[in-house]
Amino acid sequence: MTVAGRALGAVLVAACVAGLSGCAAGNDAAAGSTTLPAETEQAAARLAGRYAHFDVVAYQDPLMKTLIISYGFTDLTDEDGTLVAKESFCSSEHRSDQPIQVTLSDTATQAIKPVPTPVTLTVENGRARISRPETPTGIGVTLADPAHDPLPTDPKDPRVTDDDGDGKPGVTSTIKVTDTFGGEIYIARREIFAYVVDEQADGSLTGTVSDHSEQLVLGASNDAFLTQAQWTQYADRSKSPIILIPVDADWDCGRLMAERARLFPPTPVVDW
């Protein structure tokens, strides 16, 4: 999933450039003070708010091509000219080039909670660009160092958490191969995603997602599903789009999913 998990960089604007007023030795301005360009401050102010979030991450391995489609919210907060992004997720879908169905419950999807993080904000010709770097986030596992701690391989590892509350280790993904054959896998996952979006004339933000997420299968209801496959994002980033649509602050997951068809494109299919 895209979500899902991914990190952000701070707005970095140098205020003191040699020869500019306020930077010379002996000036009364406080040492180290910074001033943001007016267009950056204006962009941060106008972009702040709640956005309905749609993203797709395309994966490919030797056996299968996969799309993970995620729905949720991105909240952008203007903190003195620095935009801070907070992602929250509502629901997800799976599509592949194989005749199988994979589902993750909304409870499991909503358990993905990336930390709020500053974004890099740039403005060119009046058009803003937001870059969110990676913020590694555990799901089905609690990691002291989410960026570097290895994922557990033992379902009895004390770091494993039942984030979807179904009484099974990690989070549960349901697999249907045929009407008579299917089962569950229990996974621990590190969500690692980033994105770059550009401001559009209608106030939306559109761009692409990069994803380096990792997961381990902790167990399964059927040993046939105990396969430690690591998906790699498909190189063509146009297959991994992100769309952020401004909405009112009181929107919740119920409202978002009820209006999904009006807000976003149809669910994509594997077409490469």
C-alpha atoms as a PDB file:
ATOM      1  CA  MET A   1       0.000   0.000   0.000  1.00  0.00           C
ATOM      2  CA  THR A   2       1.246   3.709  -0.493  1.00  0.00           C
ATOM      3  CA  VAL A   3       0.152   4.539   2.099  1.00  0.00           C
ATOM      4  CA  ALA A   4       0.479   4.799   3.000  1.00  0.00           C
ATOM      5  CA  GLY A   5       4.071   4.628   4.781  1.00  0.00           C
ATOM      6  CA  ARG A   6       7.305   8.094   3.539  1.00  0.00           C
ATOM      7  CA  ALA A   7       9.200  11.309   4.814  1.00  0.00           C
ATOM      8  CA  LEU A   8       9.154  15.098   4.329  1.00  0.00           C
ATOM      9  CA  GLY A   9      11.855  17.767   4.221  1.00  0.00           C
ATOM     10  CA  ALA A  10      11.628  21.210   5.791  1.00  0.00           C
ATOM     11  CA  VAL A  11      11.144  24.428   3.836  1.00  0.00           C
ATOM     12  CA  LEU A  12      14.774  25.578   3.539  1.00  0.00           C
ATOM     13  CA  VAL A  13      15.132  29.170   2.444  1.00  0.00           C
ATOM     14  CA  ALA A  14      18.417  31.015   3.150  1.00  0.00           C
ATOM     15  CA  ALA A  15      17.632  34.448   4.571  1.00  0.00           C
ATOM     16  CA  CYS A  16      21.138  35.863   4.888  1.00  0.00           C
ATOM     17  CA  VAL A  17      22.962  36.216   1.602  1.00  0.00           C
ATOM     18  CA  ALA A  18      26.147  38.284   1.535  1.00  0.00           C
ATOM     19  CA  GLY A  19      25.359  41.962   1.025  1.00  0.00           C
ATOM     20  CA  LEU A  20      21.647  41.802   1.997  1.00  0.00           C
ATOM     21  CA  SER A  21      20.369  44.187   4.660  1.00  0.00           C
ATOM     22  CA  GLY A  22      20.089  42.529   8.063  1.00  0.00           C
ATOM     23  CA  CYS A  23      22.995  40.130   7.467  1.00  0.00           C
ATOM     24  CA  ALA A  24      25.965  42.457   7.942  1.00  0.00           C
ATOM     25  CA  ALA A  25      28.133  42.243  11.042  1.00  0.00           C
ATOM     26  CA  GLY A  26      26.893  44.538  13.781  1.00  0.00           C
ATOM     27  CA  ASN A  27      23.314  44.688  12.477  1.00  0.00           C
ATOM     28  CA  ASP A  28      20.673  44.937  15.193  1.00  0.00           C
ATOM     29  CA  ALA A  29      18.735  41.935  13.812  1.00  0.00           C
ATOM     30  CA  ALA A  30      19.016  38.764  15.898  1.00  0.00           C
ATOM     31  CA  ALA A  31      21.805  36.456  14.752  1.00  0.00           C
ATOM     32  CA  GLY A  32      20.533  33.539  12.682  1.00  0.00           C
ATOM     33  CA  SER A  33      17.124  35.123  11.977  1.00  0.00           C
ATOM     34  CA  THR A  34      15.521  34.122   8.669  1.00  0.00           C
ATOM     35  CA  THR A  35      13.021  35.724   6.331  1.00  0.00           C
ATOM     36  CA  LEU A  36      10.990  33.748   3.830  1.00  0.00           C
ATOM     37  CA  PRO A  37      10.335  35.153   0.359  1.00  0.00           C
ATOM     38  CA  ALA A  38       6.866  36.660   0.151  1.00  0.00           C
ATOM     39  CA  GLU A  39       5.749  34.188  -2.533  1.00  0.00           C
ATOM     40  CA  THR A  40       6.728  31.265  -0.296  1.00  0.00           C
ATOM     41  CA  GLU A  41       4.799  32.672   2.670  1.00  0.00           C
ATOM     42  CA  GLN A  42       1.788  33.308   0.431  1.00  0.00           C
ATOM     43  CA  ALA A  43       1.941  29.779  -0.989  1.00  0.00           C
ATOM     44  CA  ALA A  44       2.150  28.226   2.476  1.00  0.00           C
ATOM     45  CA  ALA A  45      -0.863  30.248   3.610  1.00  0.00           C
ATOM     46  CA  ARG A  46      -3.054  29.372   0.617  1.00  0.00           C
ATOM     47  CA  LEU A  47      -2.122  25.674   0.578  1.00  0.00           C
ATOM     48  CA  ALA A  48      -2.873  25.079   4.266  1.00  0.00           C
ATOM     49  CA  GLY A  49      -5.962  22.947   4.844  1.00  0.00           C
ATOM     50  CA  ARG A  50      -7.433  19.461   4.498  1.00  0.00           C
ATOM     51  CA  TYR A  51      -7.143  17.475   1.275  1.00  0.00           C
ATOM     52  CA  ALA A  52      -8.836  14.273   0.167  1.00  0.00           C
ATOM     53  CA  HIS A  53      -5.952  11.935  -0.679  1.00  0.00           C
ATOM     54  CA  PHE A  54      -5.789   9.365  -3.503  1.00  0.00           C
ATOM     55  CA  ASP A  55      -2.596   7.564  -4.399  1.00  0.00           C
ATOM     56  CA  VAL A  56      -1.552   4.521  -6.361  1.00  0.00           C
ATOM     57  CA  VAL A  57       1.674   2.554  -6.036  1.00  0.00           C
ATOM     58  CA  ALA A  58       2.525   0.175  -8.872  1.00  0.00           C
ATOM     59  CA  TYR A  59       4.713  -2.820  -8.018  1.00  0.00           C
ATOM     60  CA  GLN A  60       6.246  -5.548 -10.115  1.00  0.00           C
ATOM     61  CA  ASP A  61       8.055  -8.785  -9.320  1.00  0.00           C
ATOM     62  CA  PRO A  62       8.787 -11.840 -11.492  1.00  0.00           C
ATOM     63  CA  LEU A  63       5.431 -13.414 -10.625  1.00  0.00           C
ATOM     64  CA  MET A  64       2.937 -10.569 -10.443  1.00  0.00           C
ATOM     65  CA  LYS A  65       2.177  -6.948 -11.254  1.00  0.00           C
ATOM     66  CA  THR A  66       0.270  -5.149  -8.525  1.00  0.00           C
ATOM     67  CA  LEU A  67      -1.456  -1.842  -7.814  1.00  0.00           C
ATOM     68  CA  ILE A  68      -2.188  -0.647  -4.274  1.00  0.00           C
ATOM     69  CA  ILE A  69      -4.728   2.194  -4.235  1.00  0.00           C
ATOM     70  CA  SER A  70      -5.036   4.219  -1.022  1.00  0.00           C
ATOM     71  CA  TYR A  71      -7.645   6.737   0.121  1.00  0.00           C
ATOM     72  CA  GLY A  72      -7.368   9.126   3.044  1.00  0.00           C
ATOM     73  CA  PHE A  73      -6.503  12.687   3.986  1.00  0.00           C
ATOM     74  CA  THR A  74      -3.505  14.984   3.860  1.00  0.00           C
ATOM     75  CA  ASP A  75      -3.660  17.891   6.300  1.00  0.00           C
ATOM     76  CA  LEU A  76      -1.267  20.753   5.591  1.00  0.00           C
ATOM     77  CA  THR A  77      -0.576  23.172   8.436  1.00  0.00           C
ATOM     78  CA  ASP A  78       1.209  26.495   7.974  1.00  0.00           C
ATOM     79  CA  GLU A  79       3.706  26.938  10.798  1.00  0.00           C
ATOM     80  CA  ASP A  80       5.345  30.331  10.232  1.00  0.00           C
ATOM     81  CA  GLY A  81       5.774  29.698   6.534  1.00  0.00           C
ATOM     82  CA  THR A  82       6.728  26.040   6.886  1.00  0.00           C
ATOM     83  CA  LEU A  83       4.108  23.564   5.734  1.00  0.00           C
ATOM     84  CA  VAL A  84       3.737  20.467   7.885  1.00  0.00           C
ATOM     85  CA  ALA A  85       1.942  17.470   6.374  1.00  0.00           C
ATOM     86  CA  LYS A  86      -0.061  14.903   8.306  1.00  0.00           C
ATOM     87  CA  GLU A  87      -1.296  11.839   6.440  1.00  0.00           C
ATOM     88  CA  SER A  88      -4.156   9.629   7.605  1.00  0.00           C
ATOM     89  CA  PHE A  89      -5.727   6.767   5.696  1.00  0.00           C
ATOM     90  CA  CYS A  90      -9.260   5.412   5.335  1.00  0.00           C
ATOM     91  CA  SER A  91      -9.369   2.502   2.913  1.00  0.00           C
ATOM     92  CA  SER A  92      -7.322   0.675   0.293  1.00  0.00           C
ATOM     93  CA  GLU A  93      -7.775  -1.518  -2.773  1.00  0.00           C
ATOM     94  CA  HIS A  94      -5.615  -4.080  -4.582  1.00  0.00           C
ATOM     95  CA  ARG A  95      -5.446  -4.866  -8.283  1.00  0.00           C
ATOM     96  CA  SER A  96      -3.115  -7.308 -10.068  1.00  0.00           C
ATOM     97  CA  ASP A  97      -2.556  -9.111 -13.349  1.00  0.00           C
ATOM     98  CA  GLN A  98      -3.311 -12.458 -11.683  1.00  0.00           C
ATOM     99  CA  PRO A  99      -6.750 -13.984 -10.963  1.00  0.00           C
ATOM    100  CA  ILE A 100      -6.529 -13.444  -7.212  1.00  0.00           C
ATOM    101  CA  GLN A 101      -8.164 -11.021  -4.806  1.00  0.00           C
ATOM    102  CA  VAL A 102      -6.235  -9.455  -1.923  1.00  0.00           C
ATOM    103  CA  THR A 103      -7.951  -7.291   0.688  1.00  0.00           C
ATOM    104  CA  LEU A 104      -6.811  -5.326   3.715  1.00  0.00           C
ATOM    105  CA  SER A 105      -9.473  -4.219   6.159  1.00  0.00           C
ATOM    106  CA  ASP A 106     -10.185  -0.527   6.675  1.00  0.00           C
ATOM    107  CA  THR A 107      -9.130  -0.996  10.298  1.00  0.00           C
ATOM    108  CA  ALA A 108      -5.706  -2.200   9.171  1.00  0.00           C
ATOM    109  CA  THR A 109      -5.394   0.598   6.610  1.00  0.00           C
ATOM    110  CA  GLN A 110      -6.326   3.193   9.230  1.00  0.00           C
ATOM    111  CA  ALA A 111      -3.606   1.826  11.520  1.00  0.00           C
ATOM    112  CA  ILE A 112      -0.994   3.334   9.173  1.00  0.00           C
ATOM    113  CA  LYS A 113      -0.138   6.597  10.922  1.00  0.00           C
ATOM    114  CA  PRO A 114       2.919   8.379   9.496  1.00  0.00           C
ATOM    115  CA  VAL A 115       4.352  11.052  11.769  1.00  0.00           C
ATOM    116  CA  PRO A 116       3.537  14.660  10.800  1.00  0.00           C
ATOM    117  CA  THR A 117       6.498  16.140   9.015  1.00  0.00           C
ATOM    118  CA  PRO A 118       7.583  19.385   7.350  1.00  0.00           C
ATOM    119  CA  VAL A 119       7.610  19.537   3.570  1.00  0.00           C
ATOM    120  CA  THR A 120       9.877  21.279   1.133  1.00  0.00           C
ATOM    121  CA  LEU A 121       7.932  24.107  -0.508  1.00  0.00           C
ATOM    122  CA  THR A 122       9.176  25.827  -3.640  1.00  0.00           C
ATOM    123  CA  VAL A 123       7.462  28.336  -5.915  1.00  0.00           C
ATOM    124  CA  GLU A 124       8.245  28.908  -9.588  1.00  0.00           C
ATOM    125  CA  ASN A 125       6.270  31.294 -11.784  1.00  0.00           C
ATOM    126  CA  GLY A 126       3.640  31.520  -9.075  1.00  0.00           C
ATOM    127  CA  ARG A 127       3.081  27.746  -8.965  1.00  0.00           C
ATOM    128  CA  ALA A 128       3.890  25.852  -5.783  1.00  0.00           C
ATOM    129  CA  ARG A 129       5.558  22.454  -5.514  1.00  0.00           C
ATOM    130  CA  ILE A 130       5.503  20.308  -2.360  1.00  0.00           C
ATOM    131  CA  SER A 131       8.043  17.525  -1.781  1.00  0.00           C
ATOM    132  CA  ARG A 132       7.437  15.079   1.057  1.00  0.00           C
ATOM    133  CA  PRO A 133      10.445  12.923   1.940  1.00  0.00           C
ATOM    134  CA  GLU A 134      10.225   9.490   3.539  1.00  0.00           C
ATOM    135  CA  THR A 135       9.002   8.925   7.095  1.00  0.00           C
ATOM    136  CA  PRO A 136       9.346   5.175   7.805  1.00  0.00           C
ATOM    137  CA  THR A 137       6.307   3.951   9.750  1.00  0.00           C
ATOM    138  CA  GLY A 138       5.654   0.524  11.257  1.00  0.00           C
ATOM    139  CA  ILE A 139       2.329  -1.277  10.880  1.00  0.00           C
ATOM    140  CA  GLY A 140       1.755  -4.496  12.782  1.00  0.00           C
ATOM    141  CA  VAL A 141       4.970  -3.783  14.656  1.00  0.00           C
ATOM    142  CA  THR A 142       6.371  -1.204  17.072  1.00  0.00           C
ATOM    143  CA  LEU A 143       9.902  -0.149  16.134  1.00  0.00           C
ATOM    144  CA  ALA A 144      12.106   1.951  18.413  1.00  0.00           C
ATOM    145  CA  ASP A 145      13.924   3.175  15.311  1.00  0.00           C
ATOM    146  CA  PRO A 146      11.408   2.880  12.453  1.00  0.00           C
ATOM    147  CA  ALA A 147      14.022   3.709   9.835  1.00  0.00           C
ATOM    148  CA  HIS A 148      16.643   1.128  10.817  1.00  0.00           C
ATOM    149  CA  ASP A 149      15.298  -1.584  13.155  1.00  0.00           C
ATOM    150  CA  PRO A 150      14.884  -4.931  11.354  1.00  0.00           C
ATOM    151  CA  LEU A 151      11.349  -6.220  10.961  1.00  0.00           C
ATOM    152  CA  PRO A 152      10.480  -9.196  13.191  1.00  0.00           C
ATOM    153  CA  THR A 153      10.272 -12.671  11.712  1.00  0.00           C
ATOM    154  CA  ASP A 154       8.754 -14.376  14.776  1.00  0.00           C
ATOM    155  CA  PRO A 155       5.031 -13.763  15.456  1.00  0.00           C
ATOM    156  CA  LYS A 156       5.864 -14.025  19.184  1.00  0.00           C
ATOM    157  CA  ASP A 157       8.375 -11.158  18.981  1.00  0.00           C
ATOM    158  CA  PRO A 158       7.199  -8.634  21.633  1.00  0.00           C
ATOM    159  CA  ARG A 159       7.413  -5.859  19.049  1.00  0.00           C
ATOM    160  CA  VAL A 160       4.622  -7.426  16.984  1.00  0.00           C
ATOM    161  CA  THR A 161       1.298  -5.631  17.510  1.00  0.00           C
ATOM    162  CA  ASP A 162      -2.242  -6.580  16.555  1.00  0.00           C
ATOM    163  CA  ASP A 163      -2.969  -3.255  14.876  1.00  0.00           C
ATOM    164  CA  ASP A 164      -6.236  -4.361  13.289  1.00  0.00           C
ATOM    165  CA  GLY A 165      -7.552  -5.911  16.511  1.00  0.00           C
ATOM    166  CA  ASP A 166      -8.486  -9.306  15.064  1.00  0.00           C
ATOM    167  CA  GLY A 167      -6.517 -11.347  17.597  1.00  0.00           C
ATOM    168  CA  LYS A 168      -3.824 -12.352  15.099  1.00  0.00           C
ATOM    169  CA  PRO A 169      -0.220 -11.120  14.911  1.00  0.00           C
ATOM    170  CA  GLY A 170       0.537  -8.023  12.855  1.00  0.00           C
ATOM    171  CA  VAL A 171      -2.137  -7.015  10.384  1.00  0.00           C
ATOM    172  CA  THR A 172      -4.201  -9.486   8.398  1.00  0.00           C
ATOM    173  CA  SER A 173      -4.460  -9.593   4.618  1.00  0.00           C
ATOM    174  CA  THR A 174      -7.094 -11.853   3.068  1.00  0.00           C
ATOM    175  CA  ILE A 175      -6.331 -13.745  -0.145  1.00  0.00           C
ATOM    176  CA  LYS A 176      -8.874 -15.368  -2.464  1.00  0.00           C
ATOM    177  CA  VAL A 177      -7.476 -17.522  -5.264  1.00  0.00           C
ATOM    178  CA  THR A 178     -10.677 -19.360  -6.217  1.00  0.00           C
ATOM    179  CA  ASP A 179     -14.117 -19.779  -4.694  1.00  0.00           C
ATOM    180  CA  THR A 180     -12.789 -22.813  -2.823  1.00  0.00           C
ATOM    181  CA  PHE A 181      -9.201 -21.791  -2.098  1.00  0.00           C
ATOM    182  CA  GLY A 182      -8.024 -18.814  -0.084  1.00  0.00           C
ATOM    183  CA  GLY A 183      -6.803 -17.782   3.321  1.00  0.00           C
ATOM    184  CA  GLU A 184      -5.052 -15.150   5.386  1.00  0.00           C
ATOM    185  CA  ILE A 185      -1.518 -13.909   5.863  1.00  0.00           C
ATOM    186  CA  TYR A 186      -0.306 -11.973   8.903  1.00  0.00           C
ATOM    187  CA  ILE A 187       2.260  -9.309   8.147  1.00  0.00           C
ATOM    188  CA  ALA A 188       4.548  -6.744   9.728  1.00  0.00           C
ATOM    189  CA  ARG A 189       5.280  -3.856   7.425  1.00  0.00           C
ATOM    190  CA  ARG A 190       7.437  -0.747   7.247  1.00  0.00           C
ATOM    191  CA  GLU A 191       5.700   1.932   5.184  1.00  0.00           C
ATOM    192  CA  ILE A 192       8.265   4.116   3.400  1.00  0.00           C
ATOM    193  CA  PHE A 193       6.820   6.581   0.916  1.00  0.00           C
ATOM    194  CA  ALA A 194       7.491  10.050  -0.428  1.00  0.00           C
ATOM    195  CA  TYR A 195       5.766  12.237  -2.972  1.00  0.00           C
ATOM    196  CA  VAL A 196       6.130  15.367  -5.075  1.00  0.00           C
ATOM    197  CA  VAL A 197       2.987  17.312  -6.012  1.00  0.00           C
ATOM    198  CA  ASP A 198       2.421  20.484  -8.034  1.00  0.00           C
ATOM    199  CA  GLU A 199      -0.261  23.089  -7.477  1.00  0.00           C
ATOM    200  CA  GLN A 200      -3.008  23.159 -10.100  1.00  0.00           C
ATOM    201  CA  ALA A 201      -5.271  26.024 -11.163  1.00  0.00           C
ATOM    202  CA  ASP A 202      -8.290  24.447  -9.414  1.00  0.00           C
ATOM    203  CA  GLY A 203      -6.449  24.254  -6.066  1.00  0.00           C
ATOM    204  CA  SER A 204      -5.697  20.542  -6.271  1.00  0.00           C
ATOM    205  CA  LEU A 205      -2.201  19.087  -5.958  1.00  0.00           C
ATOM    206  CA  THR A 206      -1.071  16.330  -8.326  1.00  0.00           C
ATOM    207  CA  GLY A 207       2.140  14.391  -8.775  1.00  0.00           C
ATOM    208  CA  THR A 208       3.752  11.015  -8.194  1.00  0.00           C
ATOM    209  CA  VAL A 209       4.653   8.707  -5.301  1.00  0.00           C
ATOM    210  CA  SER A 210       7.911   6.895  -4.656  1.00  0.00           C
ATOM    211  CA  ASP A 211       7.802   3.862  -2.381  1.00  0.00           C
ATOM    212  CA  HIS A 212      10.416   1.675  -0.694  1.00  0.00           C
ATOM    213  CA  SER A 213       8.154  -0.141   1.780  1.00  0.00           C
ATOM    214  CA  GLU A 214       9.146  -3.489   3.288  1.00  0.00           C
ATOM    215  CA  GLN A 215       7.102  -6.319   4.743  1.00  0.00           C
ATOM    216  CA  LEU A 216       7.541  -9.753   6.264  1.00  0.00           C
ATOM    217  CA  VAL A 217       4.961 -12.513   6.506  1.00  0.00           C
ATOM    218  CA  LEU A 218       4.707 -13.567  10.161  1.00  0.00           C
ATOM    219  CA  GLY A 219       2.300 -16.425   9.560  1.00  0.00           C
ATOM    220  CA  ALA A 220      -0.598 -17.681   7.466  1.00  0.00           C
ATOM    221  CA  SER A 221      -3.766 -19.705   7.760  1.00  0.00           C
ATOM    222  CA  ASN A 222      -2.368 -21.994   5.048  1.00  0.00           C
ATOM    223  CA  ASP A 223       1.325 -22.798   4.574  1.00  0.00           C
ATOM    224  CA  ALA A 224       0.866 -22.240   0.824  1.00  0.00           C
ATOM    225  CA  PHE A 225       0.831 -18.504   1.521  1.00  0.00           C
ATOM    226  CA  LEU A 226       4.085 -18.450   3.531  1.00  0.00           C
ATOM    227  CA  THR A 227       6.052 -16.697   0.800  1.00  0.00           C
ATOM    228  CA  GLN A 228       8.398 -13.824   1.615  1.00  0.00           C
ATOM    229  CA  ALA A 229       7.938 -11.803  -1.567  1.00  0.00           C
ATOM    230  CA  GLN A 230       9.337  -8.280  -1.658  1.00  0.00           C
ATOM    231  CA  TRP A 231       7.581  -6.031  -4.130  1.00  0.00           C
ATOM    232  CA  THR A 232       9.597  -3.456  -6.050  1.00  0.00           C
ATOM    233  CA  GLN A 233       7.966  -0.285  -7.312  1.00  0.00           C
ATOM    234  CA  TYR A 234       7.507  -0.218 -11.083  1.00  0.00           C
ATOM    235  CA  ALA A 235      10.008   2.182 -12.636  1.00  0.00           C
ATOM    236  CA  ASP A 236       7.455   4.230 -14.594  1.00  0.00           C
ATOM    237  CA  ARG A 237       6.278   6.698 -11.935  1.00  0.00           C
ATOM    238  CA  SER A 238       3.299   7.740 -14.069  1.00  0.00           C
ATOM    239  CA  LYS A 239       1.746   4.467 -12.879  1.00  0.00           C
ATOM    240  CA  SER A 240       2.058   5.709  -9.261  1.00  0.00           C
ATOM    241  CA  PRO A 241       0.061   8.964  -9.220  1.00  0.00           C
ATOM    242  CA  ILE A 242      -1.132  11.003  -6.264  1.00  0.00           C
ATOM    243  CA  ILE A 243      -4.055  13.459  -6.255  1.00  0.00           C
ATOM    244  CA  LEU A 244      -4.903  15.796  -3.367  1.00  0.00           C
ATOM    245  CA  ILE A 245      -8.279  17.587  -3.560  1.00  0.00           C
ATOM    246  CA  PRO A 246      -9.117  20.415  -1.103  1.00  0.00           C
ATOM    247  CA  VAL A 247     -12.098  19.607   1.141  1.00  0.00           C
ATOM    248  CA  ASP A 248     -13.648  21.103   4.259  1.00  0.00           C
ATOM    249  CA  ALA A 249     -11.997  20.458   7.619  1.00  0.00           C
ATOM    250  CA  ASP A 250     -14.946  18.378   8.883  1.00  0.00           C
ATOM    251  CA  TRP A 251     -14.671  15.681   6.203  1.00  0.00           C
ATOM    252  CA  ASP A 252     -14.208  12.160   7.559  1.00  0.00           C
ATOM    253  CA  CYS A 253     -13.621   8.729   6.032  1.00  0.00           C
ATOM    254  CA  GLY A 254     -17.329   8.077   5.563  1.00  0.00           C
ATOM    255  CA  ARG A 255     -17.796  11.270   3.550  1.00  0.00           C
ATOM    256  CA  LEU A 256     -14.634  10.642   1.554  1.00  0.00           C
ATOM    257  CA  MET A 257     -15.577   7.143   0.469  1.00  0.00           C
ATOM    258  CA  ALA A 258     -19.163   8.193  -0.277  1.00  0.00           C
ATOM    259  CA  GLU A 259     -17.844  10.839  -2.690  1.00  0.00           C
ATOM    260  CA  ARG A 260     -14.902   8.833  -4.021  1.00  0.00           C
ATOM    261  CA  ALA A 261     -16.377   8.511  -7.533  1.00  0.00           C
ATOM    262  CA  ARG A 262     -16.890  12.273  -7.845  1.00  0.00           C
ATOM    263  CA  LEU A 263     -13.457  13.208  -6.516  1.00  0.00           C
ATOM    264  CA  PHE A 264     -11.072  10.739  -8.121  1.00  0.00           C
ATOM    265  CA  PRO A 265     -10.493   8.776 -11.336  1.00  0.00           C
ATOM    266  CA  PRO A 266     -11.876   5.240 -11.691  1.00  0.00           C
ATOM    267  CA  THR A 267      -9.903   2.501  -9.944  1.00  0.00           C
ATOM    268  CA  PRO A 268      -6.918   1.791 -12.205  1.00  0.00           C
ATOM    269  CA  VAL A 269      -6.005  -1.597 -13.642  1.00  0.00           C
ATOM    270  CA  VAL A 270      -2.650  -3.158 -14.443  1.00  0.00           C
ATOM    271  CA  ASP A 271      -1.996  -2.086 -18.023  1.00  0.00           C
ATOM    272  CA  TRP A 272       1.719  -2.500 -18.610  1.00  0.00           C
END
